[in-house]
Each structure stands twice: as C-alpha cells, then as structure tokens.
Amino acid sequence: MNTFNNLLHGAAIHKMFRDTILKAGILNNDGEPKITFHGLRHTHATILLNSGQNVKAIAQRLGNTPAMIYEIYGHVMKELEEQSVEVFSRSLECGTGASIGAN
C-alpha cells in the first residue's frame, strides 16, 4: 500500500525492486540487476522443491497447478530424483540401509 492506503500496481512494485537492487549494487557485468522480481518467484519455488515440500502446496502458494510446477521445474525434480537414487545406492554400499526389506 502507498501513503494514501491504495494498493500498489505491479509495475510500481517491480520498479521499487529494481531500484533497490540497483542501489545495492547487485549487478551483472553489463550493469543490469542480477535477479529480477520474477526471478525471486523461481528462486522461491526451487528452494521449496529442494527442501522436499509438497508440489501441490507449492502450486497453491504460487497460484499455479501441480502440472505447471512439474512442467516448469521438472529439471529440479529430475535432479532431486537422481540425488535420491544416489543416497539409496550409498546406503546399500555402506551397509547402512535396512537389513531386511519388505517381502
């Protein structure tokens, strides 16, 4: 909200974010901000996915559907799947896995 208790327009929020990043000196070599306001959305989603949060909850938080999350962040989920396989494989190699599996 602004000083008149009116909601801020999205463009105004974007400009305030950009100005803040520029003033803070968080810039690429070409003088442009290293991250955009929309980039924060992707960072937020990626952090939640990497911490094992529920895809449906992330989708609701972002105003998306779970299918959209899978489509947009499928590469992140693929990396997490590969990490799970590595963790499981290491547990078998080190003898730290379950000694008796399900029958």
Protein backbone atom coordinates (compact mmCIF):
# COMPACT_ATOMS: atom_id res chain seq x y z
CA MET A 1 0.00 0.00 0.00
CA ASN A 2 1.15 3.51 -0.66
CA THR A 3 0.90 6.53 1.64
CA PHE A 4 -2.74 7.00 0.60
CA ASN A 5 -3.64 3.39 1.59
CA ASN A 6 -4.10 2.41 -2.05
CA LEU A 7 -2.80 -0.88 -3.39
CA LEU A 8 0.37 -0.60 -5.41
CA HIS A 9 0.27 -1.56 -9.06
CA GLY A 10 2.52 -4.46 -10.10
CA ALA A 11 4.66 -2.14 -12.22
CA ALA A 12 5.31 0.07 -9.18
CA ILE A 13 6.44 -2.94 -7.13
CA HIS A 14 8.69 -4.06 -9.98
CA LYS A 15 10.25 -0.58 -10.23
CA MET A 16 10.84 -0.37 -6.46
CA PHE A 17 12.52 -3.80 -6.51
CA ARG A 18 14.70 -2.87 -9.48
CA ASP A 19 15.69 0.46 -7.92
CA THR A 20 16.59 -1.32 -4.67
CA ILE A 21 18.75 -3.88 -6.47
CA LEU A 22 20.48 -1.13 -8.46
CA LYS A 23 21.17 0.94 -5.33
CA ALA A 24 22.51 -2.15 -3.55
CA GLY A 25 24.89 -2.77 -6.46
CA ILE A 26 23.70 -6.32 -7.09
CA LEU A 27 24.51 -6.11 -10.78
CA ASN A 28 25.78 -8.20 -13.68
CA ASN A 29 28.82 -7.09 -15.67
CA ASP A 30 26.52 -5.16 -18.00
CA GLY A 31 25.12 -3.08 -15.12
CA GLU A 32 21.76 -4.84 -15.06
CA PRO A 33 20.32 -6.40 -11.87
CA LYS A 34 21.50 -9.98 -11.20
CA ILE A 35 17.95 -11.01 -10.33
CA THR A 36 14.53 -9.81 -11.38
CA PHE A 37 11.42 -9.63 -9.29
CA HIS A 38 10.06 -12.59 -11.27
CA GLY A 39 13.35 -14.40 -10.67
CA LEU A 40 12.58 -14.31 -6.94
CA ARG A 41 9.46 -16.37 -7.68
CA HIS A 42 11.57 -19.06 -9.35
CA THR A 43 14.11 -18.97 -6.54
CA HIS A 44 11.29 -19.35 -4.00
CA ALA A 45 9.82 -22.36 -5.83
CA THR A 46 13.21 -24.01 -6.28
CA ILE A 47 14.09 -23.63 -2.60
CA LEU A 48 10.76 -25.19 -1.61
CA LEU A 49 11.23 -28.08 -4.05
CA ASN A 50 14.79 -28.71 -2.88
CA SER A 51 13.60 -28.82 0.72
CA GLY A 52 11.09 -31.56 -0.13
CA GLN A 53 7.91 -29.52 0.13
CA ASN A 54 4.70 -30.87 -1.38
CA VAL A 55 4.23 -29.93 -5.05
CA LYS A 56 0.53 -29.23 -4.54
CA ALA A 57 1.31 -26.83 -1.68
CA ILE A 58 3.94 -25.05 -3.79
CA ALA A 59 1.48 -24.77 -6.69
CA GLN A 60 -1.17 -23.25 -4.43
CA ARG A 61 1.36 -20.82 -2.99
CA LEU A 62 2.37 -19.66 -6.48
CA GLY A 63 -1.14 -19.69 -7.91
CA ASN A 64 -0.27 -22.50 -10.31
CA THR A 65 -1.40 -26.06 -10.80
CA PRO A 66 0.79 -29.03 -9.83
CA ALA A 67 1.06 -29.82 -13.56
CA MET A 68 2.54 -26.36 -14.17
CA ILE A 69 5.07 -26.89 -11.38
CA TYR A 70 6.12 -30.22 -12.91
CA GLU A 71 6.41 -28.60 -16.35
CA ILE A 72 8.34 -25.51 -15.24
CA TYR A 73 10.51 -27.11 -12.55
CA GLY A 74 10.85 -30.62 -13.97
CA HIS A 75 14.62 -30.21 -14.24
CA VAL A 76 14.83 -29.52 -10.49
CA MET A 77 12.68 -32.54 -9.73
CA LYS A 78 14.85 -34.70 -12.00
CA GLU A 79 17.94 -33.61 -10.04
CA LEU A 80 16.18 -34.46 -6.76
CA GLU A 81 15.25 -37.89 -8.14
CA GLU A 82 18.87 -38.52 -9.12
CA GLN A 83 20.01 -37.47 -5.64
CA SER A 84 17.53 -39.90 -4.09
CA VAL A 85 18.95 -42.74 -6.17
CA GLU A 86 22.49 -41.79 -5.09
CA VAL A 87 21.52 -41.68 -1.40
CA PHE A 88 19.82 -45.07 -1.66
CA SER A 89 22.77 -46.58 -3.53
CA ARG A 90 25.26 -45.28 -0.97
CA SER A 91 23.19 -46.71 1.87
CA LEU A 92 23.35 -50.14 0.26
CA GLU A 93 27.10 -49.90 -0.36
CA CYS A 94 27.86 -48.79 3.18
CA GLY A 95 25.57 -51.30 4.81
CA THR A 96 23.56 -48.51 6.41
CA GLY A 97 20.34 -49.43 4.62
CA ALA A 98 17.61 -51.62 6.02
CA SER A 99 18.88 -55.08 6.85
CA ILE A 100 15.57 -56.68 5.93
CA GLY A 101 13.41 -55.36 3.13
CA ALA A 102 9.69 -55.75 2.63
CA ASN A 103 8.64 -59.19 1.46
